[in-house]
């Protein structure tokens, strides 16, 4: 669901944009953005070879070879692969947990996906600031309890937070996800968008979640 919600949040990406997907995993965000927007090209970056191969198969199955490219690389090396100011937008669903916190999974693939083992929010902000064009934006989904860390990293690299939207599992619960849009060299002005509620009290999806998923169908 994280990826579906993020792709909907970033659907404003402009026509013919060149987009980067940091930590693309199996490619779900990029695939959805290819269908939701009129982007020209999206490049996924995935450090894990096994997951990278899965994403390549997803690209082929969805017949997106003309739009969706993927590279098997550490995002910290991207400044050597692309010149600065190369991208019109960047999206990322990064690892949520600090390396030294929470229960760790013995499965190395899941560990890298969930914990900041290979990269952290500072790495993502740094490379995004380098690769984004001025006044272009980074879109990320993360956990609300990391919000202070995220804001500090974004401001450090001149990525101005512009929009925040909290995701609530139910209306009477605390938020468990947060969507953030930050613009490179943007003017200070932060809009807190209305909350997105996932489930009704009876456990069914809310109309807005159904609308987001129906778009995919």
N, C-alpha and C. Protein backbone atom coordinates (compact mmCIF):
# COMPACT_ATOMS: atom_id res chain seq x y z
N UNK A 1 0.82 -1.21 0.00
CA UNK A 1 0.00 0.00 0.00
C UNK A 1 0.85 1.26 0.00
N UNK A 2 2.02 1.23 0.68
CA UNK A 2 2.91 2.39 0.73
C UNK A 2 3.20 2.90 -0.68
N UNK A 3 3.55 1.97 -1.57
CA UNK A 3 3.94 2.34 -2.92
C UNK A 3 2.77 2.89 -3.73
N UNK A 4 1.59 2.29 -3.56
CA UNK A 4 0.40 2.75 -4.28
C UNK A 4 0.04 4.17 -3.84
N UNK A 5 0.08 4.41 -2.54
CA UNK A 5 -0.25 5.74 -2.03
C UNK A 5 0.78 6.77 -2.48
N UNK A 6 2.06 6.40 -2.47
CA UNK A 6 3.10 7.33 -2.92
C UNK A 6 2.94 7.66 -4.40
N UNK A 7 2.62 6.67 -5.21
CA UNK A 7 2.46 6.93 -6.65
C UNK A 7 1.29 7.88 -6.89
N UNK A 8 0.23 7.76 -6.09
CA UNK A 8 -0.90 8.67 -6.21
C UNK A 8 -0.51 10.08 -5.77
N UNK A 9 0.27 10.18 -4.71
CA UNK A 9 0.75 11.47 -4.19
C UNK A 9 1.62 12.19 -5.22
N UNK A 10 2.37 11.42 -6.01
CA UNK A 10 3.31 12.00 -6.98
C UNK A 10 2.74 12.08 -8.39
N UNK A 11 1.45 11.85 -8.56
CA UNK A 11 0.87 11.80 -9.90
C UNK A 11 0.86 13.16 -10.60
N UNK A 12 1.20 14.22 -9.88
CA UNK A 12 1.28 15.55 -10.49
C UNK A 12 2.56 15.75 -11.31
N UNK A 13 3.46 14.78 -11.31
CA UNK A 13 4.70 14.88 -12.09
C UNK A 13 4.36 15.29 -13.53
N UNK A 14 5.10 16.27 -14.01
CA UNK A 14 4.73 16.91 -15.27
C UNK A 14 5.00 16.03 -16.49
N UNK A 15 4.36 16.39 -17.58
CA UNK A 15 4.51 15.67 -18.85
C UNK A 15 5.95 15.70 -19.33
N UNK A 16 6.41 14.58 -19.88
CA UNK A 16 7.75 14.43 -20.44
C UNK A 16 8.85 14.57 -19.41
N UNK A 17 8.52 14.33 -18.15
CA UNK A 17 9.52 14.44 -17.08
C UNK A 17 10.49 13.26 -17.11
N UNK A 18 11.70 13.54 -16.67
CA UNK A 18 12.68 12.49 -16.42
C UNK A 18 12.71 12.27 -14.91
N UNK A 19 12.40 11.05 -14.48
CA UNK A 19 12.16 10.76 -13.06
C UNK A 19 13.14 9.69 -12.58
N UNK A 20 13.50 9.78 -11.31
CA UNK A 20 14.38 8.81 -10.66
C UNK A 20 13.64 8.17 -9.49
N UNK A 21 13.74 6.85 -9.38
CA UNK A 21 13.12 6.09 -8.29
C UNK A 21 14.23 5.47 -7.45
N UNK A 22 14.48 6.03 -6.27
CA UNK A 22 15.57 5.59 -5.42
C UNK A 22 15.13 4.42 -4.55
N UNK A 23 15.84 3.30 -4.66
CA UNK A 23 15.46 2.10 -3.92
C UNK A 23 14.19 1.52 -4.50
N UNK A 24 14.19 1.29 -5.80
CA UNK A 24 12.96 0.94 -6.51
C UNK A 24 12.38 -0.41 -6.12
N UNK A 25 13.19 -1.29 -5.51
CA UNK A 25 12.68 -2.61 -5.15
C UNK A 25 12.28 -3.38 -6.40
N UNK A 26 11.09 -3.95 -6.40
CA UNK A 26 10.62 -4.69 -7.57
C UNK A 26 9.98 -3.79 -8.62
N UNK A 27 10.00 -2.48 -8.40
CA UNK A 27 9.59 -1.54 -9.43
C UNK A 27 8.16 -1.07 -9.39
N UNK A 28 7.42 -1.35 -8.32
CA UNK A 28 5.99 -1.05 -8.32
C UNK A 28 5.69 0.44 -8.45
N UNK A 29 6.46 1.30 -7.77
CA UNK A 29 6.19 2.73 -7.86
C UNK A 29 6.40 3.23 -9.28
N UNK A 30 7.51 2.82 -9.89
CA UNK A 30 7.80 3.25 -11.26
C UNK A 30 6.76 2.75 -12.24
N UNK A 31 6.32 1.51 -12.08
CA UNK A 31 5.30 0.95 -12.97
C UNK A 31 4.00 1.75 -12.85
N UNK A 32 3.60 2.06 -11.63
CA UNK A 32 2.37 2.82 -11.43
C UNK A 32 2.49 4.23 -12.00
N UNK A 33 3.66 4.86 -11.83
CA UNK A 33 3.83 6.22 -12.35
C UNK A 33 3.84 6.24 -13.88
N UNK A 34 4.32 5.16 -14.49
CA UNK A 34 4.25 5.06 -15.95
C UNK A 34 2.80 5.09 -16.43
N UNK A 35 1.90 4.55 -15.61
CA UNK A 35 0.49 4.49 -15.98
C UNK A 35 -0.29 5.72 -15.52
N UNK A 36 0.16 6.35 -14.44
CA UNK A 36 -0.56 7.48 -13.86
C UNK A 36 -0.19 8.81 -14.49
N UNK A 37 1.02 8.91 -15.04
CA UNK A 37 1.52 10.19 -15.54
C UNK A 37 1.95 10.07 -17.00
N UNK A 38 2.33 11.18 -17.56
CA UNK A 38 2.87 11.22 -18.92
C UNK A 38 4.37 11.46 -18.90
N UNK A 39 5.04 10.86 -17.92
CA UNK A 39 6.49 11.02 -17.84
C UNK A 39 7.15 10.45 -19.09
N UNK A 40 8.33 10.96 -19.38
CA UNK A 40 9.08 10.49 -20.55
C UNK A 40 9.91 9.26 -20.22
N UNK A 41 10.54 9.29 -19.04
CA UNK A 41 11.43 8.20 -18.65
C UNK A 41 11.55 8.15 -17.13
N UNK A 42 11.58 6.95 -16.58
CA UNK A 42 11.85 6.78 -15.16
C UNK A 42 12.97 5.75 -15.00
N UNK A 43 13.94 6.08 -14.17
CA UNK A 43 15.08 5.21 -13.92
C UNK A 43 15.02 4.73 -12.48
N UNK A 44 14.93 3.43 -12.30
CA UNK A 44 14.92 2.84 -10.97
C UNK A 44 16.33 2.46 -10.54
N UNK A 45 16.63 2.67 -9.27
CA UNK A 45 17.94 2.33 -8.72
C UNK A 45 17.73 1.31 -7.61
N UNK A 46 18.34 0.14 -7.75
CA UNK A 46 18.19 -0.93 -6.76
C UNK A 46 19.55 -1.57 -6.48
N UNK A 47 19.94 -1.60 -5.23
CA UNK A 47 21.26 -2.10 -4.85
C UNK A 47 21.32 -3.62 -4.77
N UNK A 48 20.19 -4.27 -4.50
CA UNK A 48 20.19 -5.73 -4.32
C UNK A 48 20.00 -6.43 -5.66
N UNK A 49 20.96 -7.24 -6.03
CA UNK A 49 20.96 -7.89 -7.34
C UNK A 49 19.72 -8.74 -7.56
N UNK A 50 19.32 -9.52 -6.57
CA UNK A 50 18.16 -10.39 -6.71
C UNK A 50 16.89 -9.59 -6.94
N UNK A 51 16.73 -8.51 -6.20
CA UNK A 51 15.54 -7.66 -6.34
C UNK A 51 15.57 -6.92 -7.68
N UNK A 52 16.75 -6.48 -8.06
CA UNK A 52 16.95 -5.83 -9.37
C UNK A 52 16.49 -6.75 -10.51
N UNK A 53 16.83 -8.03 -10.43
CA UNK A 53 16.42 -8.98 -11.47
C UNK A 53 14.90 -9.15 -11.49
N UNK A 54 14.28 -9.12 -10.31
CA UNK A 54 12.82 -9.20 -10.24
C UNK A 54 12.18 -7.99 -10.91
N UNK A 55 12.76 -6.81 -10.68
CA UNK A 55 12.24 -5.59 -11.28
C UNK A 55 12.36 -5.63 -12.80
N UNK A 56 13.47 -6.17 -13.29
CA UNK A 56 13.66 -6.30 -14.75
C UNK A 56 12.55 -7.15 -15.35
N UNK A 57 12.18 -8.23 -14.67
CA UNK A 57 11.10 -9.08 -15.17
C UNK A 57 9.76 -8.34 -15.13
N UNK A 58 9.57 -7.53 -14.09
CA UNK A 58 8.32 -6.75 -14.00
C UNK A 58 8.21 -5.76 -15.16
N UNK A 59 9.33 -5.15 -15.52
CA UNK A 59 9.34 -4.22 -16.64
C UNK A 59 8.92 -4.92 -17.92
N UNK A 60 9.48 -6.10 -18.14
CA UNK A 60 9.17 -6.87 -19.34
C UNK A 60 7.71 -7.31 -19.37
N UNK A 61 7.22 -7.79 -18.23
CA UNK A 61 5.84 -8.26 -18.15
C UNK A 61 4.84 -7.14 -18.41
N UNK A 62 5.21 -5.92 -18.00
CA UNK A 62 4.33 -4.77 -18.19
C UNK A 62 4.61 -4.01 -19.49
N UNK A 63 5.58 -4.54 -20.27
CA UNK A 63 5.91 -3.95 -21.57
C UNK A 63 6.25 -2.46 -21.44
N UNK A 64 7.14 -2.16 -20.49
CA UNK A 64 7.51 -0.77 -20.23
C UNK A 64 8.98 -0.49 -20.54
N UNK A 65 9.57 -1.32 -21.38
CA UNK A 65 10.99 -1.16 -21.68
C UNK A 65 11.33 0.21 -22.28
N UNK A 66 10.37 0.83 -22.94
CA UNK A 66 10.63 2.13 -23.57
C UNK A 66 10.61 3.28 -22.57
N UNK A 67 10.02 3.05 -21.37
CA UNK A 67 9.89 4.13 -20.39
C UNK A 67 10.65 3.88 -19.10
N UNK A 68 10.72 2.64 -18.68
CA UNK A 68 11.23 2.30 -17.36
C UNK A 68 12.56 1.55 -17.50
N UNK A 69 13.63 2.21 -17.06
CA UNK A 69 14.96 1.60 -17.04
C UNK A 69 15.35 1.34 -15.59
N UNK A 70 16.25 0.39 -15.38
CA UNK A 70 16.67 0.10 -14.01
C UNK A 70 18.16 -0.19 -13.99
N UNK A 71 18.82 0.27 -12.91
CA UNK A 71 20.24 0.01 -12.74
C UNK A 71 20.48 -0.63 -11.38
N UNK A 72 21.44 -1.54 -11.34
CA UNK A 72 21.83 -2.22 -10.11
C UNK A 72 23.01 -1.45 -9.53
N UNK A 73 22.70 -0.55 -8.58
CA UNK A 73 23.71 0.38 -8.10
C UNK A 73 23.39 0.88 -6.70
N UNK A 74 24.42 1.27 -5.98
CA UNK A 74 24.29 1.94 -4.70
C UNK A 74 23.94 3.41 -4.98
N UNK A 75 22.85 3.89 -4.40
CA UNK A 75 22.43 5.26 -4.70
C UNK A 75 23.49 6.29 -4.30
N UNK A 76 24.38 5.94 -3.38
CA UNK A 76 25.44 6.87 -2.97
C UNK A 76 26.45 7.10 -4.09
N UNK A 77 26.42 6.26 -5.13
CA UNK A 77 27.34 6.41 -6.26
C UNK A 77 26.73 7.14 -7.44
N UNK A 78 25.50 7.60 -7.32
CA UNK A 78 24.80 8.15 -8.48
C UNK A 78 25.40 9.46 -8.98
N UNK A 79 26.08 10.20 -8.11
CA UNK A 79 26.69 11.45 -8.54
C UNK A 79 27.80 11.21 -9.55
N UNK A 80 28.30 9.96 -9.60
CA UNK A 80 29.33 9.60 -10.59
C UNK A 80 28.71 9.12 -11.89
N UNK A 81 27.42 8.76 -11.86
CA UNK A 81 26.74 8.23 -13.05
C UNK A 81 25.93 9.28 -13.80
N UNK A 82 25.42 10.26 -13.06
CA UNK A 82 24.59 11.29 -13.67
C UNK A 82 25.12 12.67 -13.31
N UNK A 83 25.05 13.63 -14.23
CA UNK A 83 25.44 15.00 -13.89
C UNK A 83 24.42 15.63 -12.94
N UNK A 84 24.81 16.69 -12.29
CA UNK A 84 23.88 17.39 -11.40
C UNK A 84 22.72 17.97 -12.21
N UNK A 85 21.62 18.20 -11.54
CA UNK A 85 20.43 18.80 -12.17
C UNK A 85 19.91 17.98 -13.35
N UNK A 86 19.87 16.65 -13.19
CA UNK A 86 19.51 15.75 -14.28
C UNK A 86 18.03 15.39 -14.31
N UNK A 87 17.32 15.51 -13.18
CA UNK A 87 15.98 14.93 -13.08
C UNK A 87 14.93 15.97 -12.72
N UNK A 88 13.72 15.74 -13.27
CA UNK A 88 12.58 16.62 -13.02
C UNK A 88 11.82 16.23 -11.75
N UNK A 89 12.00 15.01 -11.27
CA UNK A 89 11.34 14.55 -10.05
C UNK A 89 12.06 13.29 -9.56
N UNK A 90 12.00 13.09 -8.24
CA UNK A 90 12.55 11.87 -7.63
C UNK A 90 11.51 11.33 -6.67
N UNK A 91 11.33 10.01 -6.67
CA UNK A 91 10.43 9.34 -5.73
C UNK A 91 11.23 8.31 -4.94
N UNK A 92 10.79 8.06 -3.71
CA UNK A 92 11.49 7.06 -2.91
C UNK A 92 10.60 6.53 -1.79
N UNK A 93 10.63 5.21 -1.65
CA UNK A 93 10.03 4.52 -0.50
C UNK A 93 11.20 3.87 0.24
N UNK A 94 11.89 4.63 1.09
CA UNK A 94 13.16 4.17 1.66
C UNK A 94 12.96 3.25 2.86
N UNK A 95 14.06 2.64 3.35
CA UNK A 95 13.97 1.88 4.61
C UNK A 95 13.51 2.82 5.73
N UNK A 96 12.59 2.34 6.55
CA UNK A 96 11.99 3.19 7.58
C UNK A 96 12.76 3.20 8.90
N UNK A 97 13.42 2.11 9.21
CA UNK A 97 13.97 1.94 10.56
C UNK A 97 15.47 2.23 10.60
N UNK A 98 15.89 2.89 11.68
CA UNK A 98 17.31 3.11 11.88
C UNK A 98 18.00 1.76 12.05
N UNK A 99 19.26 1.72 11.66
CA UNK A 99 20.01 0.46 11.66
C UNK A 99 20.09 -0.17 13.04
N UNK A 100 20.12 0.66 14.08
CA UNK A 100 20.31 0.13 15.43
C UNK A 100 19.02 0.04 16.23
N UNK A 101 17.87 0.01 15.55
CA UNK A 101 16.59 -0.04 16.26
C UNK A 101 15.71 -1.14 15.72
N UNK A 102 14.77 -1.61 16.55
CA UNK A 102 13.75 -2.57 16.12
C UNK A 102 14.27 -3.97 15.92
N UNK A 103 13.34 -4.90 15.76
CA UNK A 103 13.70 -6.28 15.48
C UNK A 103 14.18 -6.42 14.06
N UNK A 104 15.26 -7.15 13.87
CA UNK A 104 15.83 -7.32 12.54
C UNK A 104 15.51 -8.70 11.99
N UNK A 105 15.22 -8.75 10.70
CA UNK A 105 14.89 -10.00 10.04
C UNK A 105 16.15 -10.72 9.60
N UNK A 106 16.17 -12.05 9.76
CA UNK A 106 17.33 -12.84 9.34
C UNK A 106 17.48 -12.86 7.83
N UNK A 107 16.39 -12.59 7.10
CA UNK A 107 16.43 -12.53 5.65
C UNK A 107 17.12 -11.23 5.23
N UNK A 108 18.28 -11.35 4.58
CA UNK A 108 19.09 -10.17 4.26
C UNK A 108 18.37 -9.21 3.34
N UNK A 109 17.58 -9.73 2.41
CA UNK A 109 16.84 -8.87 1.48
C UNK A 109 15.84 -7.99 2.23
N UNK A 110 15.09 -8.60 3.14
CA UNK A 110 14.11 -7.83 3.92
C UNK A 110 14.80 -6.86 4.88
N UNK A 111 15.95 -7.28 5.42
CA UNK A 111 16.69 -6.43 6.34
C UNK A 111 17.11 -5.14 5.65
N UNK A 112 17.67 -5.24 4.45
CA UNK A 112 18.12 -4.08 3.71
C UNK A 112 16.94 -3.20 3.29
N UNK A 113 15.81 -3.81 2.99
CA UNK A 113 14.63 -3.06 2.58
C UNK A 113 14.01 -2.28 3.73
N UNK A 114 14.13 -2.79 4.95
CA UNK A 114 13.41 -2.21 6.09
C UNK A 114 14.27 -1.37 7.02
N UNK A 115 15.56 -1.68 7.09
CA UNK A 115 16.47 -0.96 7.99
C UNK A 115 17.50 -0.17 7.19
N UNK A 116 17.96 0.93 7.78
CA UNK A 116 18.93 1.79 7.12
C UNK A 116 20.33 1.17 7.17
N UNK A 117 20.46 0.02 6.54
CA UNK A 117 21.73 -0.70 6.51
C UNK A 117 22.62 -0.17 5.38
N UNK A 118 22.04 -0.06 4.18
CA UNK A 118 22.80 0.36 3.01
C UNK A 118 22.64 1.85 2.69
N UNK A 119 21.58 2.46 3.18
CA UNK A 119 21.40 3.91 2.99
C UNK A 119 20.48 4.43 4.07
N UNK A 120 20.54 5.74 4.31
CA UNK A 120 19.64 6.36 5.28
C UNK A 120 19.02 7.61 4.67
N UNK A 121 18.19 8.28 5.44
CA UNK A 121 17.46 9.44 4.89
C UNK A 121 18.41 10.56 4.50
N UNK A 122 19.53 10.68 5.18
CA UNK A 122 20.52 11.69 4.82
C UNK A 122 21.10 11.40 3.43
N UNK A 123 21.38 10.13 3.15
CA UNK A 123 21.90 9.74 1.83
C UNK A 123 20.90 10.10 0.73
N UNK A 124 19.63 9.82 0.99
CA UNK A 124 18.59 10.09 -0.01
C UNK A 124 18.45 11.59 -0.26
N UNK A 125 18.45 12.38 0.81
CA UNK A 125 18.34 13.83 0.65
C UNK A 125 19.56 14.39 -0.09
N UNK A 126 20.73 13.90 0.23
CA UNK A 126 21.96 14.40 -0.39
C UNK A 126 21.98 14.14 -1.90
N UNK A 127 21.70 12.91 -2.30
CA UNK A 127 21.75 12.59 -3.73
C UNK A 127 20.59 13.24 -4.48
N UNK A 128 19.44 13.38 -3.82
CA UNK A 128 18.29 14.04 -4.45
C UNK A 128 18.59 15.51 -4.73
N UNK A 129 19.22 16.18 -3.77
CA UNK A 129 19.56 17.58 -3.95
C UNK A 129 20.54 17.76 -5.10
N UNK A 130 21.46 16.83 -5.24
CA UNK A 130 22.45 16.91 -6.33
C UNK A 130 21.81 16.67 -7.70
N UNK A 131 20.91 15.70 -7.78
CA UNK A 131 20.39 15.27 -9.08
C UNK A 131 19.14 16.02 -9.54
N UNK A 132 18.40 16.61 -8.61
CA UNK A 132 17.20 17.34 -9.00
C UNK A 132 17.53 18.68 -9.64
N UNK A 133 16.72 19.06 -10.62
CA UNK A 133 16.79 20.41 -11.15
C UNK A 133 16.22 21.38 -10.10
N UNK A 134 16.65 22.62 -10.16
CA UNK A 134 16.12 23.63 -9.24
C UNK A 134 14.61 23.75 -9.43
N UNK A 135 13.91 23.82 -8.31
CA UNK A 135 12.44 23.91 -8.27
C UNK A 135 11.74 22.60 -8.65
N UNK A 136 12.50 21.51 -8.74
CA UNK A 136 11.90 20.19 -8.92
C UNK A 136 11.81 19.49 -7.57
N UNK A 137 11.04 18.40 -7.51
CA UNK A 137 10.65 17.89 -6.19
C UNK A 137 10.98 16.42 -5.96
N UNK A 138 11.20 16.14 -4.68
CA UNK A 138 11.36 14.79 -4.15
C UNK A 138 10.06 14.40 -3.46
N UNK A 139 9.57 13.19 -3.75
CA UNK A 139 8.35 12.66 -3.11
C UNK A 139 8.74 11.40 -2.35
N UNK A 140 8.46 11.36 -1.05
CA UNK A 140 8.81 10.19 -0.26
C UNK A 140 7.65 9.77 0.64
N UNK A 141 7.65 8.49 1.00
CA UNK A 141 6.73 7.97 2.01
C UNK A 141 7.60 7.42 3.14
N UNK A 142 7.20 7.68 4.38
CA UNK A 142 8.03 7.28 5.52
C UNK A 142 7.13 7.11 6.74
N UNK A 143 7.76 6.95 7.89
CA UNK A 143 7.04 6.80 9.15
C UNK A 143 7.00 8.13 9.90
N UNK A 144 5.86 8.47 10.52
CA UNK A 144 5.75 9.74 11.24
C UNK A 144 6.77 9.90 12.37
N UNK A 145 7.18 8.78 12.99
CA UNK A 145 8.13 8.92 14.10
C UNK A 145 9.53 9.31 13.65
N UNK A 146 9.76 9.33 12.34
CA UNK A 146 11.05 9.76 11.79
C UNK A 146 10.96 11.18 11.21
N UNK A 147 9.87 11.86 11.46
CA UNK A 147 9.62 13.14 10.80
C UNK A 147 10.69 14.18 11.10
N UNK A 148 11.15 14.25 12.34
CA UNK A 148 12.18 15.22 12.69
C UNK A 148 13.47 14.93 11.92
N UNK A 149 13.87 13.66 11.89
CA UNK A 149 15.07 13.28 11.14
C UNK A 149 14.94 13.64 9.66
N UNK A 150 13.76 13.38 9.11
CA UNK A 150 13.53 13.66 7.69
C UNK A 150 13.63 15.15 7.40
N UNK A 151 12.98 15.95 8.23
CA UNK A 151 12.99 17.39 8.03
C UNK A 151 14.41 17.96 8.14
N UNK A 152 15.15 17.49 9.10
CA UNK A 152 16.53 17.95 9.27
C UNK A 152 17.37 17.62 8.04
N UNK A 153 17.21 16.41 7.51
CA UNK A 153 17.98 16.01 6.34
C UNK A 153 17.58 16.82 5.12
N UNK A 154 16.30 17.03 4.93
CA UNK A 154 15.83 17.79 3.76
C UNK A 154 16.35 19.23 3.80
N UNK A 155 16.21 19.87 4.93
CA UNK A 155 16.65 21.27 5.05
C UNK A 155 18.17 21.38 4.90
N UNK A 156 18.88 20.39 5.40
CA UNK A 156 20.35 20.38 5.30
C UNK A 156 20.81 20.47 3.86
N UNK A 157 20.06 19.81 2.95
CA UNK A 157 20.46 19.76 1.55
C UNK A 157 19.58 20.65 0.66
N UNK A 158 18.99 21.68 1.25
CA UNK A 158 18.22 22.69 0.53
C UNK A 158 17.02 22.11 -0.22
N UNK A 159 16.40 21.12 0.39
CA UNK A 159 15.14 20.57 -0.11
C UNK A 159 14.04 21.08 0.82
N UNK A 160 13.26 22.02 0.34
CA UNK A 160 12.28 22.68 1.19
C UNK A 160 10.99 21.87 1.26
N UNK A 161 10.58 21.40 2.46
CA UNK A 161 9.31 20.68 2.59
C UNK A 161 8.14 21.58 2.18
N UNK A 162 7.32 21.09 1.26
CA UNK A 162 6.21 21.88 0.75
C UNK A 162 4.85 21.30 1.08
N UNK A 163 4.74 19.97 1.10
CA UNK A 163 3.46 19.30 1.39
C UNK A 163 3.71 18.09 2.28
N UNK A 164 2.83 17.94 3.26
CA UNK A 164 2.86 16.76 4.14
C UNK A 164 1.44 16.22 4.25
N UNK A 165 1.33 14.90 4.13
CA UNK A 165 0.02 14.26 4.32
C UNK A 165 0.20 13.03 5.19
N UNK A 166 -0.54 12.97 6.28
CA UNK A 166 -0.47 11.83 7.19
C UNK A 166 -1.50 10.78 6.79
N UNK A 167 -1.10 9.51 6.90
CA UNK A 167 -1.96 8.38 6.56
C UNK A 167 -2.35 7.67 7.86
N UNK A 168 -3.66 7.53 8.08
CA UNK A 168 -4.19 6.90 9.29
C UNK A 168 -4.82 5.56 8.94
N UNK A 169 -4.51 4.50 9.68
CA UNK A 169 -5.18 3.22 9.40
C UNK A 169 -6.69 3.33 9.62
N UNK A 170 -7.09 4.02 10.71
CA UNK A 170 -8.50 4.32 10.99
C UNK A 170 -8.57 5.72 11.59
N UNK A 171 -9.75 6.29 11.58
CA UNK A 171 -9.90 7.68 11.99
C UNK A 171 -9.54 7.92 13.46
N UNK A 172 -9.69 6.89 14.29
CA UNK A 172 -9.40 7.04 15.72
C UNK A 172 -8.03 6.48 16.11
N UNK A 173 -7.21 6.18 15.10
CA UNK A 173 -5.87 5.67 15.36
C UNK A 173 -4.81 6.73 15.06
N UNK A 174 -3.59 6.49 15.53
CA UNK A 174 -2.49 7.40 15.20
C UNK A 174 -2.01 7.12 13.78
N UNK A 175 -1.45 8.14 13.11
CA UNK A 175 -0.95 7.92 11.75
C UNK A 175 0.23 6.94 11.75
N UNK A 176 0.31 6.11 10.72
CA UNK A 176 1.43 5.16 10.62
C UNK A 176 2.28 5.37 9.37
N UNK A 177 1.87 6.33 8.52
CA UNK A 177 2.66 6.70 7.35
C UNK A 177 2.56 8.21 7.16
N UNK A 178 3.57 8.77 6.49
CA UNK A 178 3.51 10.19 6.13
C UNK A 178 4.09 10.36 4.73
N UNK A 179 3.41 11.15 3.93
CA UNK A 179 3.86 11.50 2.58
C UNK A 179 4.46 12.90 2.63
N UNK A 180 5.59 13.09 1.98
CA UNK A 180 6.27 14.38 2.00
C UNK A 180 6.73 14.76 0.60
N UNK A 181 6.43 15.97 0.22
CA UNK A 181 6.98 16.55 -1.01
C UNK A 181 7.92 17.68 -0.61
N UNK A 182 9.15 17.64 -1.14
CA UNK A 182 10.14 18.68 -0.85
C UNK A 182 10.72 19.18 -2.17
N UNK A 183 10.87 20.49 -2.29
CA UNK A 183 11.30 21.11 -3.54
C UNK A 183 12.69 21.71 -3.40
N UNK A 184 13.55 21.42 -4.35
CA UNK A 184 14.92 21.92 -4.32
C UNK A 184 14.93 23.44 -4.46
N UNK A 185 15.52 24.10 -3.48
CA UNK A 185 15.64 25.57 -3.44
C UNK A 185 14.28 26.25 -3.45
N UNK A 186 13.26 25.55 -2.95
CA UNK A 186 11.92 26.14 -2.89
C UNK A 186 11.81 27.18 -1.78
N UNK A 187 10.85 28.07 -1.90
CA UNK A 187 10.61 29.07 -0.87
C UNK A 187 9.89 28.42 0.32
N UNK A 188 10.19 28.87 1.54
CA UNK A 188 9.56 28.26 2.72
C UNK A 188 8.05 28.47 2.74
N UNK A 189 7.32 27.40 2.64
CA UNK A 189 5.87 27.40 2.82
C UNK A 189 5.42 25.95 2.88
N UNK A 190 4.90 25.54 4.01
CA UNK A 190 4.52 24.14 4.21
C UNK A 190 3.01 24.02 4.33
N UNK A 191 2.44 23.14 3.50
CA UNK A 191 1.01 22.86 3.55
C UNK A 191 0.79 21.48 4.15
N UNK A 192 0.00 21.41 5.20
CA UNK A 192 -0.41 20.14 5.79
C UNK A 192 -1.73 19.75 5.14
N UNK A 193 -1.71 18.72 4.33
CA UNK A 193 -2.91 18.30 3.62
C UNK A 193 -3.84 17.53 4.54
N UNK A 194 -5.09 17.43 4.14
CA UNK A 194 -6.05 16.69 4.95
C UNK A 194 -5.60 15.23 5.05
N UNK A 195 -5.90 14.57 6.16
CA UNK A 195 -5.44 13.19 6.36
C UNK A 195 -6.10 12.21 5.39
N UNK A 196 -5.38 11.14 5.13
CA UNK A 196 -5.93 10.03 4.34
C UNK A 196 -6.21 8.87 5.28
N UNK A 197 -7.47 8.46 5.35
CA UNK A 197 -7.88 7.35 6.21
C UNK A 197 -8.00 6.09 5.35
N UNK A 198 -7.38 5.01 5.79
CA UNK A 198 -7.34 3.78 4.99
C UNK A 198 -8.61 2.94 5.18
N UNK A 199 -8.99 2.71 6.45
CA UNK A 199 -10.11 1.79 6.72
C UNK A 199 -11.27 2.50 7.41
N UNK A 200 -12.48 2.09 7.06
CA UNK A 200 -13.67 2.48 7.82
C UNK A 200 -13.69 1.69 9.12
N UNK A 201 -14.62 2.04 9.99
CA UNK A 201 -14.72 1.36 11.28
C UNK A 201 -15.04 -0.12 11.14
N UNK A 202 -15.71 -0.50 10.06
CA UNK A 202 -16.06 -1.91 9.86
C UNK A 202 -14.95 -2.70 9.15
N UNK A 203 -13.81 -2.06 8.91
CA UNK A 203 -12.67 -2.76 8.32
C UNK A 203 -12.63 -2.70 6.79
N UNK A 204 -13.62 -2.10 6.17
CA UNK A 204 -13.61 -1.95 4.72
C UNK A 204 -12.78 -0.72 4.33
N UNK A 205 -12.30 -0.69 3.10
CA UNK A 205 -11.54 0.45 2.63
C UNK A 205 -12.43 1.69 2.51
N UNK A 206 -11.87 2.86 2.79
CA UNK A 206 -12.60 4.11 2.61
C UNK A 206 -12.76 4.40 1.12
N UNK A 207 -13.68 5.30 0.81
CA UNK A 207 -13.93 5.64 -0.59
C UNK A 207 -12.67 6.17 -1.28
N UNK A 208 -11.87 6.94 -0.55
CA UNK A 208 -10.67 7.51 -1.18
C UNK A 208 -9.65 6.44 -1.52
N UNK A 209 -9.48 5.46 -0.64
CA UNK A 209 -8.56 4.36 -0.93
C UNK A 209 -9.07 3.54 -2.11
N UNK A 210 -10.37 3.29 -2.14
CA UNK A 210 -10.95 2.56 -3.27
C UNK A 210 -10.75 3.32 -4.58
N UNK A 211 -10.88 4.63 -4.51
CA UNK A 211 -10.68 5.46 -5.70
C UNK A 211 -9.25 5.35 -6.20
N UNK A 212 -8.28 5.37 -5.25
CA UNK A 212 -6.87 5.25 -5.62
C UNK A 212 -6.61 3.89 -6.28
N UNK A 213 -7.16 2.85 -5.70
CA UNK A 213 -6.94 1.50 -6.26
C UNK A 213 -7.71 1.30 -7.55
N UNK A 214 -8.89 1.87 -7.67
CA UNK A 214 -9.66 1.74 -8.91
C UNK A 214 -8.94 2.38 -10.08
N UNK A 215 -8.17 3.42 -9.80
CA UNK A 215 -7.37 4.05 -10.85
C UNK A 215 -6.37 3.05 -11.41
N UNK A 216 -5.82 2.23 -10.51
CA UNK A 216 -4.86 1.23 -10.99
C UNK A 216 -5.56 0.20 -11.88
N UNK A 217 -6.77 -0.20 -11.48
CA UNK A 217 -7.50 -1.19 -12.27
C UNK A 217 -7.85 -0.63 -13.65
